[in-house]
Amino acid sequence: MIILDHTAVLALAHGHRMMAAMAAAPGTDGEARAYVPALCLVAAGTTEPGPLFTAHVGALPGLDFLPLDFPTAVAVEQLAADGLPWQYAHAVHAASASPHTPAGSAILTTTPQAYDRTGLRIVYIGPGRDD
């Protein structure tokens, strides 16, 4: 599973070619190729305010969205209480090993240093714009 944090969503919105290609088309089996945790979408939307930002990102066929249900909210709250900024906490929780993804998932980001102490697989996608 590939997780896009809020910085990757912003890069997508700013025209990052790799992010745009990933988000534009679903995978070969018709499923999403990348996942955006709900709080990452909120963080991107509050950073890049504009009409229908969330609706635009939500309509992209290559993305699926991970909800903030109660167990996830508890885990994210704990990560934030431990000092991880809330904008990153849902991505960390989503990428952490679980029964569905025993090896964990990779997080795509423009700020890899934010994840230094997480032990997760982090993929630096370059700056927010890829012209």
Protein backbone atom coordinates (compact mmCIF):
# COMPACT_ATOMS: atom_id res chain seq x y z
CA MET A 1 0.00 0.00 0.00
CA ILE A 2 1.21 3.53 -0.77
CA ILE A 3 0.27 6.36 1.57
CA LEU A 4 0.28 10.01 0.49
CA ASP A 5 0.78 12.44 3.33
CA HIS A 6 -0.51 16.02 3.22
CA THR A 7 2.67 17.28 1.54
CA ALA A 8 2.27 14.74 -1.27
CA VAL A 9 -1.35 15.81 -1.72
CA LEU A 10 -0.19 19.43 -1.93
CA ALA A 11 2.48 18.41 -4.46
CA LEU A 12 -0.27 16.78 -6.50
CA ALA A 13 -2.33 19.96 -6.35
CA HIS A 14 0.69 21.99 -7.47
CA GLY A 15 1.32 19.87 -10.55
CA HIS A 16 3.88 17.27 -9.42
CA ARG A 17 4.05 14.95 -12.42
CA MET A 18 4.60 11.67 -10.56
CA MET A 19 1.77 12.40 -8.12
CA ALA A 20 -0.53 13.47 -10.96
CA ALA A 21 0.16 10.30 -12.92
CA MET A 22 -0.48 8.15 -9.87
CA ALA A 23 -3.72 9.92 -9.01
CA ALA A 24 -5.10 10.13 -12.54
CA ALA A 25 -5.63 6.45 -13.20
CA PRO A 26 -6.62 3.52 -11.02
CA GLY A 27 -4.40 0.44 -10.82
CA THR A 28 -4.73 -2.42 -13.27
CA ASP A 29 -7.31 -4.19 -11.12
CA GLY A 30 -9.49 -1.06 -10.95
CA GLU A 31 -8.53 -0.32 -7.37
CA ALA A 32 -6.80 2.74 -6.04
CA ARG A 33 -3.04 2.90 -6.42
CA ALA A 34 -2.52 5.20 -3.45
CA TYR A 35 -4.29 6.03 -0.22
CA VAL A 36 -4.78 9.37 1.48
CA PRO A 37 -5.58 9.35 5.20
CA ALA A 38 -8.50 11.67 6.00
CA LEU A 39 -6.46 13.96 8.25
CA CYS A 40 -3.83 14.33 5.53
CA LEU A 41 -6.53 15.52 3.16
CA VAL A 42 -7.77 17.98 5.80
CA ALA A 43 -4.23 19.24 6.45
CA ALA A 44 -3.66 19.78 2.73
CA GLY A 45 -7.01 21.50 2.35
CA THR A 46 -6.32 23.90 5.20
CA THR A 47 -2.88 24.71 3.77
CA GLU A 48 -4.17 25.18 0.23
CA PRO A 49 -7.56 26.75 0.70
CA GLY A 50 -9.53 27.02 -2.45
CA PRO A 51 -12.94 26.25 -3.78
CA LEU A 52 -13.63 22.54 -3.82
CA PHE A 53 -10.03 21.47 -3.08
CA THR A 54 -11.12 18.35 -1.21
CA ALA A 55 -13.80 17.51 -3.78
CA HIS A 56 -11.27 17.83 -6.60
CA VAL A 57 -8.74 15.55 -4.91
CA GLY A 58 -11.52 13.15 -3.92
CA ALA A 59 -12.61 12.73 -7.51
CA LEU A 60 -9.25 11.41 -8.70
CA PRO A 61 -9.62 7.75 -9.66
CA GLY A 62 -6.19 6.58 -8.52
CA LEU A 63 -6.74 7.64 -4.91
CA ASP A 64 -8.73 6.14 -2.09
CA PHE A 65 -9.26 7.66 1.32
CA LEU A 66 -8.70 6.15 4.74
CA PRO A 67 -11.33 7.17 7.28
CA LEU A 68 -10.72 8.50 10.75
CA ASP A 69 -12.76 5.99 12.72
CA PHE A 70 -12.68 5.73 16.51
CA PRO A 71 -9.74 3.27 16.85
CA THR A 72 -7.73 5.32 14.37
CA ALA A 73 -8.57 8.55 16.22
CA VAL A 74 -7.26 7.03 19.45
CA ALA A 75 -4.01 5.92 17.76
CA VAL A 76 -3.54 9.28 16.02
CA GLU A 77 -4.21 11.14 19.25
CA GLN A 78 -1.50 9.09 20.99
CA LEU A 79 1.00 9.80 18.21
CA ALA A 80 0.23 13.51 18.47
CA ALA A 81 0.50 13.39 22.27
CA ASP A 82 3.93 11.78 21.83
CA GLY A 83 5.05 14.82 19.83
CA LEU A 84 4.32 13.94 16.20
CA PRO A 85 2.50 16.84 14.51
CA TRP A 86 -1.14 15.91 13.85
CA GLN A 87 -0.68 16.59 10.11
CA TYR A 88 1.65 13.56 9.94
CA ALA A 89 0.09 11.32 12.58
CA HIS A 90 -2.66 9.76 10.44
CA ALA A 91 -0.11 8.90 7.72
CA VAL A 92 2.13 7.23 10.30
CA HIS A 93 -0.75 5.21 11.68
CA ALA A 94 -1.88 4.19 8.17
CA ALA A 95 1.63 3.10 7.17
CA SER A 96 2.38 1.16 10.33
CA ALA A 97 2.36 -2.63 10.24
CA SER A 98 -1.07 -4.18 10.72
CA PRO A 99 -2.78 -7.52 10.04
CA HIS A 100 -3.69 -6.22 6.55
CA THR A 101 -0.19 -4.92 5.81
CA PRO A 102 2.25 -6.93 7.96
CA ALA A 103 5.28 -5.22 6.41
CA GLY A 104 3.72 -1.78 6.71
CA SER A 105 3.37 0.69 3.86
CA ALA A 106 5.48 3.42 2.30
CA ILE A 107 4.69 7.09 2.86
CA LEU A 108 5.26 9.48 -0.06
CA THR A 109 6.22 12.95 1.14
CA THR A 110 8.11 16.16 0.41
CA THR A 111 9.25 16.33 4.06
CA PRO A 112 10.99 13.03 4.86
CA GLN A 113 12.68 14.49 7.94
CA ALA A 114 9.28 14.66 9.65
CA TYR A 115 9.33 10.85 9.83
CA ASP A 116 12.92 10.40 11.05
CA ARG A 117 12.02 8.65 14.29
CA THR A 118 9.15 6.50 13.00
CA GLY A 119 11.10 3.60 11.50
CA LEU A 120 8.74 3.57 8.51
CA ARG A 121 9.57 3.35 4.81
CA ILE A 122 9.59 6.92 3.55
CA VAL A 123 9.83 7.95 -0.11
CA TYR A 124 10.98 11.47 -0.84
CA ILE A 125 9.14 12.67 -3.94
CA GLY A 126 11.17 15.83 -4.40
CA PRO A 127 9.91 19.37 -4.09
CA GLY A 128 6.23 20.16 -4.22
CA ARG A 129 6.27 21.11 -7.89
CA ASP A 130 7.82 19.09 -10.70
CA ASP A 131 8.10 21.38 -13.74
